[in-house]
Amino acid sequence: MLRMAVLISGGGTDLQSIIDHRDSIHGEIALVVSNRPSAKGLQRAENAGIPTAVIKDQTVLLETLKEYKIDFVVLAGYLAILGHDLIAAYPNKIINIHPSLIPSFCGPGMYGMHVHNAVIQRGAKVSGATVHFVSEEVDGGPIIWQEAVSIADLETAEDIQKRVLEVEHQILPKVVALYCDGKIQVEKGKVKIV
């Protein structure tokens, strides 16, 4: 059974979606890490009996992941850019959920409400969420899964966030389950689900 670490920075609703589907995931959430001590998601982890840590330094983070024998990492609303050493230690073993349909509305500075505000400003009619592998290029790793949702009837970034979060909570546990079952392969920079 694979051991995963989930990295968070805020409320932890994406983390909760994984916790809620633990019965269908053949992997263990062995650790939840936040770079912010005030992250409400830490309480979600503690309520579920999952060890937690607050770590800001990525060298310490990497040491901790090794200490906990972590096989792969899930970024679930983790608002920090991972450094070279961490990415190199987990090649195609770090997945991230992003609140848009990559390659739209992604890259440096595009996270959280910044994404949804940009979507509103452009007048986009469709948005969604993307789960992808993490690479050195921000939001540039191979795309694993995308789900689109119509936002044509919405007028605020907050409403878009709510609708996209519903999609995130559906696809992230699915991808984690597929990963734990060994069904995700990367060939020539593209993901195949087998």
Protein backbone atom coordinates (compact mmCIF):
# COMPACT_ATOMS: atom_id res chain seq x y z
CA MET A 1 0.00 0.00 0.00
CA LEU A 2 1.44 3.37 -1.05
CA ARG A 3 2.01 6.04 1.56
CA MET A 4 1.05 9.57 0.56
CA ALA A 5 1.64 12.99 2.05
CA VAL A 6 -0.94 15.69 1.39
CA LEU A 7 0.33 19.27 1.39
CA ILE A 8 -2.12 22.08 2.19
CA SER A 9 -2.14 25.79 2.96
CA GLY A 10 -5.75 26.54 3.82
CA GLY A 11 -9.12 25.05 4.62
CA GLY A 12 -8.30 21.58 3.36
CA THR A 13 -11.52 20.83 1.47
CA ASP A 14 -9.57 18.94 -1.22
CA LEU A 15 -7.84 16.99 1.56
CA GLN A 16 -11.28 16.21 3.00
CA SER A 17 -12.40 14.83 -0.36
CA ILE A 18 -9.54 12.30 -0.19
CA ILE A 19 -10.29 11.46 3.45
CA ASP A 20 -13.96 10.92 2.56
CA HIS A 21 -12.99 8.39 -0.15
CA ARG A 22 -10.36 6.49 1.85
CA ASP A 23 -12.35 3.26 1.59
CA SER A 24 -11.96 3.23 -2.20
CA ILE A 25 -8.28 4.28 -2.23
CA HIS A 26 -5.67 1.55 -1.85
CA GLY A 27 -3.21 3.92 -0.24
CA GLU A 28 -2.63 5.55 3.11
CA ILE A 29 -2.61 9.24 3.96
CA ALA A 30 0.49 8.94 6.13
CA LEU A 31 1.08 12.66 6.71
CA VAL A 32 -0.55 16.05 6.18
CA VAL A 33 1.81 19.02 5.98
CA SER A 34 0.98 22.72 5.93
CA ASN A 35 3.28 25.68 5.38
CA ARG A 36 0.84 27.77 7.44
CA PRO A 37 0.20 26.97 11.12
CA SER A 38 -3.29 28.53 10.89
CA ALA A 39 -4.43 26.20 8.08
CA LYS A 40 -7.83 24.79 9.03
CA GLY A 41 -7.05 21.65 7.06
CA LEU A 42 -4.67 20.56 9.85
CA GLN A 43 -7.70 20.12 12.10
CA ARG A 44 -9.42 18.03 9.42
CA ALA A 45 -6.38 15.72 9.37
CA GLU A 46 -6.24 15.48 13.16
CA ASN A 47 -9.98 14.69 13.26
CA ALA A 48 -9.28 11.80 10.86
CA GLY A 49 -6.37 10.53 12.97
CA ILE A 50 -3.70 11.53 10.43
CA PRO A 51 -0.29 12.82 11.62
CA THR A 52 0.32 16.49 10.84
CA ALA A 53 3.29 18.83 10.61
CA VAL A 54 3.83 22.54 9.96
CA ILE A 55 6.91 22.98 7.78
CA LYS A 56 7.95 26.05 5.83
CA ASP A 57 11.51 25.05 4.87
CA GLN A 58 11.59 22.69 1.89
CA THR A 59 14.82 21.01 2.95
CA VAL A 60 13.13 20.07 6.22
CA LEU A 61 10.03 19.05 4.25
CA LEU A 62 12.02 16.66 2.08
CA GLU A 63 13.72 15.16 5.15
CA THR A 64 10.32 14.69 6.79
CA LEU A 65 8.85 12.99 3.71
CA LYS A 66 11.76 10.55 3.72
CA GLU A 67 11.40 9.99 7.46
CA TYR A 68 7.72 9.06 6.97
CA LYS A 69 8.63 6.81 3.99
CA ILE A 70 6.34 8.76 1.67
CA ASP A 71 5.87 7.22 -1.79
CA PHE A 72 4.07 10.14 -3.43
CA VAL A 73 2.83 13.64 -2.66
CA VAL A 74 -0.52 15.33 -3.30
CA LEU A 75 -0.66 19.13 -3.42
CA ALA A 76 -4.20 20.00 -2.34
CA GLY A 77 -4.36 23.77 -2.17
CA TYR A 78 -0.67 24.12 -1.30
CA LEU A 79 0.27 27.72 -2.02
CA ALA A 80 4.03 27.43 -2.43
CA ILE A 81 6.25 26.61 -5.38
CA LEU A 82 8.23 23.42 -4.85
CA GLY A 83 11.98 23.63 -5.31
CA HIS A 84 14.26 21.56 -7.53
CA ASP A 85 15.44 19.12 -4.85
CA LEU A 86 11.93 18.13 -3.82
CA ILE A 87 10.72 17.68 -7.40
CA ALA A 88 13.87 15.70 -8.30
CA ALA A 89 13.32 13.38 -5.31
CA TYR A 90 9.77 12.57 -6.48
CA PRO A 91 9.78 12.49 -10.32
CA ASN A 92 6.19 12.02 -11.55
CA LYS A 93 5.28 11.26 -7.94
CA ILE A 94 3.86 14.68 -7.03
CA ILE A 95 0.36 15.56 -8.19
CA ASN A 96 -1.37 18.92 -7.95
CA ILE A 97 -4.95 20.06 -8.38
CA HIS A 98 -5.37 23.37 -10.20
CA PRO A 99 -8.67 25.33 -10.38
CA SER A 100 -8.74 25.85 -14.15
CA LEU A 101 -8.42 23.92 -17.38
CA ILE A 102 -4.66 24.01 -17.97
CA PRO A 103 -3.10 25.52 -20.09
CA SER A 104 -5.63 28.31 -19.49
CA PHE A 105 -5.32 30.50 -16.39
CA CYS A 106 -2.22 28.86 -14.96
CA GLY A 107 1.45 29.52 -14.26
CA PRO A 108 3.22 31.83 -11.81
CA GLY A 109 0.83 33.91 -9.70
CA MET A 110 -2.21 31.95 -10.86
CA TYR A 111 -3.61 30.27 -7.76
CA GLY A 112 -6.76 30.41 -5.65
CA MET A 113 -9.00 33.39 -6.27
CA HIS A 114 -6.46 34.92 -8.71
CA VAL A 115 -7.51 32.20 -11.16
CA HIS A 116 -11.24 32.77 -10.75
CA ASN A 117 -10.86 36.56 -10.97
CA ALA A 118 -8.94 36.16 -14.24
CA VAL A 119 -11.65 33.83 -15.57
CA ILE A 120 -14.32 36.46 -14.78
CA GLN A 121 -12.27 39.26 -16.36
CA ARG A 122 -11.90 37.30 -19.61
CA GLY A 123 -15.58 36.41 -19.70
CA ALA A 124 -14.89 32.69 -20.00
CA LYS A 125 -17.99 30.52 -20.33
CA VAL A 126 -16.33 27.29 -19.22
CA SER A 127 -13.88 26.56 -16.44
CA GLY A 128 -13.00 23.47 -14.48
CA ALA A 129 -10.18 21.71 -12.69
CA THR A 130 -7.01 19.90 -13.71
CA VAL A 131 -4.98 17.29 -11.88
CA HIS A 132 -1.41 17.16 -13.18
CA PHE A 133 2.04 15.96 -12.27
CA VAL A 134 4.34 18.63 -10.85
CA SER A 135 7.43 19.58 -12.84
CA GLU A 136 9.96 22.40 -12.66
CA GLU A 137 7.62 24.51 -14.82
CA VAL A 138 4.77 25.92 -12.73
CA ASP A 139 1.57 24.10 -13.75
CA GLY A 140 3.54 22.63 -16.67
CA GLY A 141 3.72 18.93 -15.78
CA PRO A 142 1.81 16.20 -17.65
CA ILE A 143 -1.97 16.50 -17.33
CA ILE A 144 -3.60 13.49 -15.69
CA TRP A 145 -7.29 14.42 -15.58
CA GLN A 146 -9.47 17.41 -16.45
CA GLU A 147 -13.13 18.10 -15.87
CA ALA A 148 -14.94 21.06 -17.41
CA VAL A 149 -17.95 22.87 -16.00
CA SER A 150 -20.17 25.58 -17.49
CA ILE A 151 -19.92 28.91 -15.70
CA ALA A 152 -21.93 30.93 -18.22
CA ASP A 153 -24.65 31.59 -15.63
CA LEU A 154 -22.25 32.84 -12.93
CA GLU A 155 -21.29 36.45 -12.26
CA THR A 156 -18.77 36.38 -9.41
CA ALA A 157 -15.37 34.78 -8.84
CA GLU A 158 -16.71 33.37 -5.56
CA ASP A 159 -19.52 31.53 -7.37
CA ILE A 160 -17.03 30.13 -9.89
CA GLN A 161 -14.80 28.98 -7.04
CA LYS A 162 -17.70 27.08 -5.45
CA ARG A 163 -18.64 25.33 -8.69
CA VAL A 164 -15.03 24.45 -9.56
CA LEU A 165 -14.44 23.14 -6.02
CA GLU A 166 -17.27 20.65 -6.53
CA VAL A 167 -15.38 19.34 -9.56
CA GLU A 168 -12.08 19.27 -7.65
CA HIS A 169 -13.67 17.19 -4.90
CA GLN A 170 -14.83 14.64 -7.49
CA ILE A 171 -11.69 14.24 -9.57
CA LEU A 172 -8.90 14.45 -6.97
CA PRO A 173 -9.91 11.28 -5.06
CA LYS A 174 -10.38 9.48 -8.41
CA VAL A 175 -6.85 10.34 -9.53
CA VAL A 176 -5.35 9.43 -6.15
CA ALA A 177 -7.10 6.04 -6.36
CA LEU A 178 -5.84 5.47 -9.91
CA TYR A 179 -2.31 6.41 -8.85
CA CYS A 180 -2.40 4.02 -5.88
CA ASP A 181 -3.61 1.24 -8.18
CA GLY A 182 -0.66 1.82 -10.54
CA LYS A 183 -2.95 2.81 -13.40
CA ILE A 184 -1.27 6.11 -14.31
CA GLN A 185 1.72 5.98 -16.66
CA VAL A 186 3.72 8.77 -18.28
CA GLU A 187 4.96 8.11 -21.81
CA LYS A 188 6.74 10.79 -23.85
CA GLY A 189 5.48 13.51 -21.53
CA LYS A 190 1.84 12.43 -21.75
CA VAL A 191 -0.27 10.53 -19.24
CA LYS A 192 -1.91 7.22 -20.11
CA ILE A 193 -4.50 5.70 -17.78
CA VAL A 194 -4.34 1.93 -18.13
